[in-house]
Amino acid sequence: MDNNFNEEPNYTGEVVGEPKESGKAKASMICGIIGVVLCVIGCFCCIGYAGVPLAIIAIVMAMMSKNETDGELTQQAKIGLICGIAALLVLVLGFVIGFVIGFASAFTGA
């Protein structure tokens, strides 16, 4: 049985496996999370409009962070991108549901 446990490790001096940090990715994540919260609240009152710019900023910052991390999206950038898209989808869905309810109530006379 041939075990390679006694081999000398190859030390090249480079750091392997260290995650790359990006300030833009962190900003994307923060804006995305706040954008989702504001857009969900916006379905019930008018503060949801504040979530739209934050969601757009989250998406743009996530894409811009790829330049700082050698073309890869970090975990924070992925969270920011997903939250930004989700915030916009929640707000659009809320508008569509509100429009349908308003349109239906106009015909029923309620």
Protein backbone atom coordinates (compact mmCIF):
# COMPACT_ATOMS: atom_id res chain seq x y z
CA MET A 1 0.00 0.00 0.00
CA ASP A 2 1.55 3.26 -1.12
CA ASN A 3 0.73 6.26 1.07
CA ASN A 4 1.92 9.72 0.11
CA PHE A 5 1.86 11.05 3.65
CA ASN A 6 5.64 11.44 3.90
CA GLU A 7 6.01 13.73 0.89
CA GLU A 8 7.23 17.27 1.41
CA PRO A 9 4.52 19.86 0.80
CA ASN A 10 5.09 22.25 -2.06
CA TYR A 11 5.32 25.73 -0.57
CA THR A 12 5.25 28.40 -3.26
CA GLY A 13 4.61 31.35 -0.99
CA GLU A 14 1.18 32.16 -2.35
CA VAL A 15 -1.90 32.14 -0.19
CA VAL A 16 -4.34 29.50 -1.35
CA GLY A 17 -8.00 29.44 -0.47
CA GLU A 18 -8.20 32.88 1.10
CA PRO A 19 -11.49 34.49 0.12
CA LYS A 20 -11.27 37.78 -1.71
CA GLU A 21 -12.94 40.72 -0.02
CA SER A 22 -14.82 43.39 -1.92
CA GLY A 23 -16.33 46.54 -0.48
CA LYS A 24 -18.71 46.73 -3.42
CA ALA A 25 -19.97 43.22 -2.69
CA LYS A 26 -20.62 44.13 0.94
CA ALA A 27 -22.44 47.32 -0.12
CA SER A 28 -24.47 45.27 -2.59
CA MET A 29 -25.52 42.86 0.12
CA ILE A 30 -26.53 45.62 2.53
CA CYS A 31 -28.47 47.57 -0.11
CA GLY A 32 -30.16 44.39 -1.32
CA ILE A 33 -31.34 43.34 2.13
CA ILE A 34 -32.63 46.82 2.99
CA GLY A 35 -34.24 47.02 -0.47
CA VAL A 36 -36.14 43.77 0.09
CA VAL A 37 -37.40 44.95 3.48
CA LEU A 38 -38.55 48.30 2.08
CA CYS A 39 -40.20 46.72 -0.96
CA VAL A 40 -42.11 44.22 1.19
CA ILE A 41 -43.25 47.06 3.43
CA GLY A 42 -44.00 49.04 0.26
CA CYS A 43 -46.68 46.58 -0.73
CA PHE A 44 -48.71 47.89 2.23
CA CYS A 45 -47.76 51.59 2.21
CA CYS A 46 -45.90 54.15 0.09
CA ILE A 47 -42.39 53.64 1.53
CA GLY A 48 -41.72 50.89 -1.02
CA TYR A 49 -40.47 53.41 -3.55
CA ALA A 50 -37.35 53.84 -1.42
CA GLY A 51 -36.53 50.18 -2.03
CA VAL A 52 -36.31 50.58 -5.81
CA PRO A 53 -33.09 52.64 -5.92
CA LEU A 54 -31.53 50.41 -3.27
CA ALA A 55 -32.41 47.29 -5.27
CA ILE A 56 -30.94 48.77 -8.43
CA ILE A 57 -27.80 49.85 -6.56
CA ALA A 58 -27.48 46.32 -5.13
CA ILE A 59 -27.62 44.78 -8.60
CA VAL A 60 -25.14 47.26 -10.10
CA MET A 61 -22.69 46.99 -7.19
CA ALA A 62 -22.78 43.18 -7.34
CA MET A 63 -21.84 43.28 -11.00
CA MET A 64 -19.13 45.88 -10.38
CA SER A 65 -17.61 43.74 -7.63
CA LYS A 66 -16.67 41.11 -10.20
CA ASN A 67 -13.79 43.37 -11.32
CA GLU A 68 -12.30 43.34 -7.82
CA THR A 69 -12.49 39.56 -7.41
CA ASP A 70 -11.06 38.30 -10.72
CA GLY A 71 -14.42 37.88 -12.45
CA GLU A 72 -16.08 35.85 -9.70
CA LEU A 73 -19.06 36.81 -7.60
CA THR A 74 -18.35 36.46 -3.90
CA GLN A 75 -21.00 35.12 -1.55
CA GLN A 76 -21.87 38.66 -0.46
CA ALA A 77 -22.25 39.79 -4.08
CA LYS A 78 -24.52 36.83 -4.84
CA ILE A 79 -26.70 37.67 -1.83
CA GLY A 80 -26.86 41.31 -2.94
CA LEU A 81 -27.75 40.34 -6.50
CA ILE A 82 -30.46 37.90 -5.42
CA CYS A 83 -31.92 40.33 -2.88
CA GLY A 84 -31.90 43.18 -5.41
CA ILE A 85 -33.74 41.11 -8.00
CA ALA A 86 -36.15 39.78 -5.37
CA ALA A 87 -36.90 43.32 -4.15
CA LEU A 88 -37.83 44.45 -7.64
CA LEU A 89 -39.95 41.34 -8.23
CA VAL A 90 -41.80 41.80 -4.92
CA LEU A 91 -42.56 45.43 -5.73
CA VAL A 92 -43.75 44.65 -9.27
CA LEU A 93 -45.88 41.78 -7.97
CA GLY A 94 -47.38 44.08 -5.33
CA PHE A 95 -48.24 46.67 -7.99
CA VAL A 96 -49.84 44.05 -10.24
CA ILE A 97 -51.92 42.61 -7.40
CA GLY A 98 -52.96 46.12 -6.31
CA PHE A 99 -53.91 47.01 -9.87
CA VAL A 100 -55.97 43.84 -10.32
CA ILE A 101 -57.77 44.35 -7.01
CA GLY A 102 -58.46 48.00 -7.84
CA PHE A 103 -59.62 47.17 -11.34
CA ALA A 104 -61.87 44.37 -10.11
CA SER A 105 -63.41 46.52 -7.39
CA ALA A 106 -64.23 49.24 -9.95
CA PHE A 107 -66.41 46.80 -11.88
CA THR A 108 -68.09 45.23 -8.85
CA GLY A 109 -68.97 48.60 -7.35
CA ALA A 110 -67.36 47.82 -4.02
